[in-house]
Amino acid sequence: MSGTCWRRSSSGWAAHDTLDRLPEITVPTLVVAGEADLACPPRYGRIVAERIPGAELVVLPGEAHQPFQERPAEFNALVDAWGALVDAWDERLAAHHHA
């Protein structure tokens, strides 16, 4: 990527701010951050998780910006476990509504 392209892309990214819309998210949300992520430090994940009702934040120790590539088995296990929790919660909620 050329320097010009990078500057244009990053300036657009830096100007993009939708934090005020995060409370509108109404589905279970898992926010994953790498402890050693310099591009998007865990403090940003905390801000996101705090603004989404019921969100869960997991900070992966020693991981950087792409834990899904750096440690795919651990990352996938985390996401699978989260999905199982959400599925179980949905099933209990459905059973409660039909009772």
C-alpha atoms as a PDB file:
ATOM      1  CA  MET A   1       0.000   0.000   0.000  1.00  0.00           C
ATOM      2  CA  SER A   2       1.402   3.390  -0.917  1.00  0.00           C
ATOM      3  CA  GLY A   3       1.985   6.057   1.703  1.00  0.00           C
ATOM      4  CA  THR A   4      -0.702   8.227   0.137  1.00  0.00           C
ATOM      5  CA  CYS A   5      -3.231   5.410   0.210  1.00  0.00           C
ATOM      6  CA  TRP A   6      -2.359   4.607   3.846  1.00  0.00           C
ATOM      7  CA  ARG A   7      -2.740   8.266   4.917  1.00  0.00           C
ATOM      8  CA  ARG A   8      -6.121   8.560   3.211  1.00  0.00           C
ATOM      9  CA  SER A   9      -7.367   5.280   4.666  1.00  0.00           C
ATOM     10  CA  SER A  10      -6.155   6.014   8.174  1.00  0.00           C
ATOM     11  CA  SER A  11      -7.529   9.561   8.197  1.00  0.00           C
ATOM     12  CA  GLY A  12     -10.955   8.211   7.226  1.00  0.00           C
ATOM     13  CA  TRP A  13     -10.730   5.565   9.929  1.00  0.00           C
ATOM     14  CA  ALA A  14      -9.631   8.086  12.541  1.00  0.00           C
ATOM     15  CA  ALA A  15     -12.570  10.363  11.727  1.00  0.00           C
ATOM     16  CA  HIS A  16     -15.117   7.514  11.952  1.00  0.00           C
ATOM     17  CA  ASP A  17     -16.861   7.670  15.321  1.00  0.00           C
ATOM     18  CA  THR A  18     -20.003   5.698  16.085  1.00  0.00           C
ATOM     19  CA  LEU A  19     -19.583   5.333  19.854  1.00  0.00           C
ATOM     20  CA  ASP A  20     -22.892   7.075  20.438  1.00  0.00           C
ATOM     21  CA  ARG A  21     -24.659   4.319  18.443  1.00  0.00           C
ATOM     22  CA  LEU A  22     -23.215   1.377  20.395  1.00  0.00           C
ATOM     23  CA  PRO A  23     -26.001   1.383  23.009  1.00  0.00           C
ATOM     24  CA  GLU A  24     -28.409   0.538  20.163  1.00  0.00           C
ATOM     25  CA  ILE A  25     -26.857  -2.928  19.824  1.00  0.00           C
ATOM     26  CA  THR A  26     -29.352  -5.356  21.332  1.00  0.00           C
ATOM     27  CA  VAL A  27     -27.734  -8.729  20.670  1.00  0.00           C
ATOM     28  CA  PRO A  28     -25.231 -10.554  22.856  1.00  0.00           C
ATOM     29  CA  THR A  29     -21.810  -9.145  22.042  1.00  0.00           C
ATOM     30  CA  LEU A  30     -18.311 -10.429  22.692  1.00  0.00           C
ATOM     31  CA  VAL A  31     -15.521  -7.867  22.423  1.00  0.00           C
ATOM     32  CA  VAL A  32     -12.070  -9.446  22.068  1.00  0.00           C
ATOM     33  CA  ALA A  33      -8.850  -7.488  22.476  1.00  0.00           C
ATOM     34  CA  GLY A  34      -5.217  -8.455  22.442  1.00  0.00           C
ATOM     35  CA  GLU A  35      -3.300  -7.296  25.502  1.00  0.00           C
ATOM     36  CA  ALA A  36      -0.323  -6.247  23.349  1.00  0.00           C
ATOM     37  CA  ASP A  37      -2.337  -4.672  20.514  1.00  0.00           C
ATOM     38  CA  LEU A  38      -0.717  -1.372  19.588  1.00  0.00           C
ATOM     39  CA  ALA A  39      -3.161  -0.579  16.756  1.00  0.00           C
ATOM     40  CA  CYS A  40      -6.281  -0.951  18.888  1.00  0.00           C
ATOM     41  CA  PRO A  41      -5.264  -1.212  22.563  1.00  0.00           C
ATOM     42  CA  PRO A  42      -7.525  -2.987  25.065  1.00  0.00           C
ATOM     43  CA  ARG A  43      -8.648   0.362  26.482  1.00  0.00           C
ATOM     44  CA  TYR A  44     -10.649   0.861  23.280  1.00  0.00           C
ATOM     45  CA  GLY A  45     -12.250  -2.555  23.670  1.00  0.00           C
ATOM     46  CA  ARG A  46     -13.245  -1.570  27.210  1.00  0.00           C
ATOM     47  CA  ILE A  47     -14.901   1.593  25.915  1.00  0.00           C
ATOM     48  CA  VAL A  48     -16.821  -0.398  23.303  1.00  0.00           C
ATOM     49  CA  ALA A  49     -17.896  -3.100  25.777  1.00  0.00           C
ATOM     50  CA  GLU A  50     -19.012  -0.515  28.339  1.00  0.00           C
ATOM     51  CA  ARG A  51     -21.303   1.123  25.795  1.00  0.00           C
ATOM     52  CA  ILE A  52     -22.968  -2.042  24.491  1.00  0.00           C
ATOM     53  CA  PRO A  53     -25.567  -3.290  26.974  1.00  0.00           C
ATOM     54  CA  GLY A  54     -24.530  -6.663  28.385  1.00  0.00           C
ATOM     55  CA  ALA A  55     -21.369  -6.945  26.292  1.00  0.00           C
ATOM     56  CA  GLU A  56     -18.511  -9.070  27.545  1.00  0.00           C
ATOM     57  CA  LEU A  57     -14.889  -8.047  27.104  1.00  0.00           C
ATOM     58  CA  VAL A  58     -12.109 -10.613  26.928  1.00  0.00           C
ATOM     59  CA  VAL A  59      -8.502  -9.417  26.786  1.00  0.00           C
ATOM     60  CA  LEU A  60      -6.175 -12.140  25.536  1.00  0.00           C
ATOM     61  CA  PRO A  61      -2.861 -12.037  27.434  1.00  0.00           C
ATOM     62  CA  GLY A  62       0.204 -11.514  25.271  1.00  0.00           C
ATOM     63  CA  GLU A  63      -1.773 -11.234  22.039  1.00  0.00           C
ATOM     64  CA  ALA A  64      -1.481  -8.383  19.576  1.00  0.00           C
ATOM     65  CA  HIS A  65      -3.836  -7.129  16.867  1.00  0.00           C
ATOM     66  CA  GLN A  66      -4.864 -10.399  15.216  1.00  0.00           C
ATOM     67  CA  PRO A  67      -5.330 -13.140  17.804  1.00  0.00           C
ATOM     68  CA  PHE A  68      -7.486 -15.040  15.321  1.00  0.00           C
ATOM     69  CA  GLN A  69      -4.317 -15.515  13.235  1.00  0.00           C
ATOM     70  CA  GLU A  70      -1.715 -15.511  16.005  1.00  0.00           C
ATOM     71  CA  ARG A  71      -3.423 -18.200  18.110  1.00  0.00           C
ATOM     72  CA  PRO A  72      -6.384 -19.448  16.078  1.00  0.00           C
ATOM     73  CA  ALA A  73      -7.167 -22.479  18.248  1.00  0.00           C
ATOM     74  CA  GLU A  74      -7.442 -20.373  21.412  1.00  0.00           C
ATOM     75  CA  PHE A  75      -9.399 -17.646  19.648  1.00  0.00           C
ATOM     76  CA  ASN A  76     -11.808 -20.118  18.021  1.00  0.00           C
ATOM     77  CA  ALA A  77     -12.353 -21.906  21.346  1.00  0.00           C
ATOM     78  CA  LEU A  78     -13.225 -18.570  22.951  1.00  0.00           C
ATOM     79  CA  VAL A  79     -15.707 -17.691  20.209  1.00  0.00           C
ATOM     80  CA  ASP A  80     -17.200 -21.213  20.237  1.00  0.00           C
ATOM     81  CA  ALA A  81     -17.670 -21.048  24.027  1.00  0.00           C
ATOM     82  CA  TRP A  82     -19.316 -17.630  23.715  1.00  0.00           C
ATOM     83  CA  GLY A  83     -21.611 -18.954  20.987  1.00  0.00           C
ATOM     84  CA  ALA A  84     -22.600 -21.914  23.170  1.00  0.00           C
ATOM     85  CA  LEU A  85     -23.450 -19.547  26.047  1.00  0.00           C
ATOM     86  CA  VAL A  86     -25.571 -17.400  23.750  1.00  0.00           C
ATOM     87  CA  ASP A  87     -27.343 -20.466  22.324  1.00  0.00           C
ATOM     88  CA  ALA A  88     -28.100 -21.779  25.821  1.00  0.00           C
ATOM     89  CA  TRP A  89     -29.372 -18.355  26.892  1.00  0.00           C
ATOM     90  CA  ASP A  90     -31.612 -18.173  23.797  1.00  0.00           C
ATOM     91  CA  GLU A  91     -33.026 -21.637  24.513  1.00  0.00           C
ATOM     92  CA  ARG A  92     -33.817 -20.719  28.148  1.00  0.00           C
ATOM     93  CA  LEU A  93     -35.423 -17.482  27.029  1.00  0.00           C
ATOM     94  CA  ALA A  94     -37.545 -19.261  24.416  1.00  0.00           C
ATOM     95  CA  ALA A  95     -38.640 -21.884  26.958  1.00  0.00           C
ATOM     96  CA  HIS A  96     -39.559 -19.144  29.418  1.00  0.00           C
ATOM     97  CA  HIS A  97     -41.695 -17.340  26.849  1.00  0.00           C
ATOM     98  CA  HIS A  98     -43.533 -20.541  25.881  1.00  0.00           C
ATOM     99  CA  ALA A  99     -44.227 -21.550  29.471  1.00  0.00           C
END
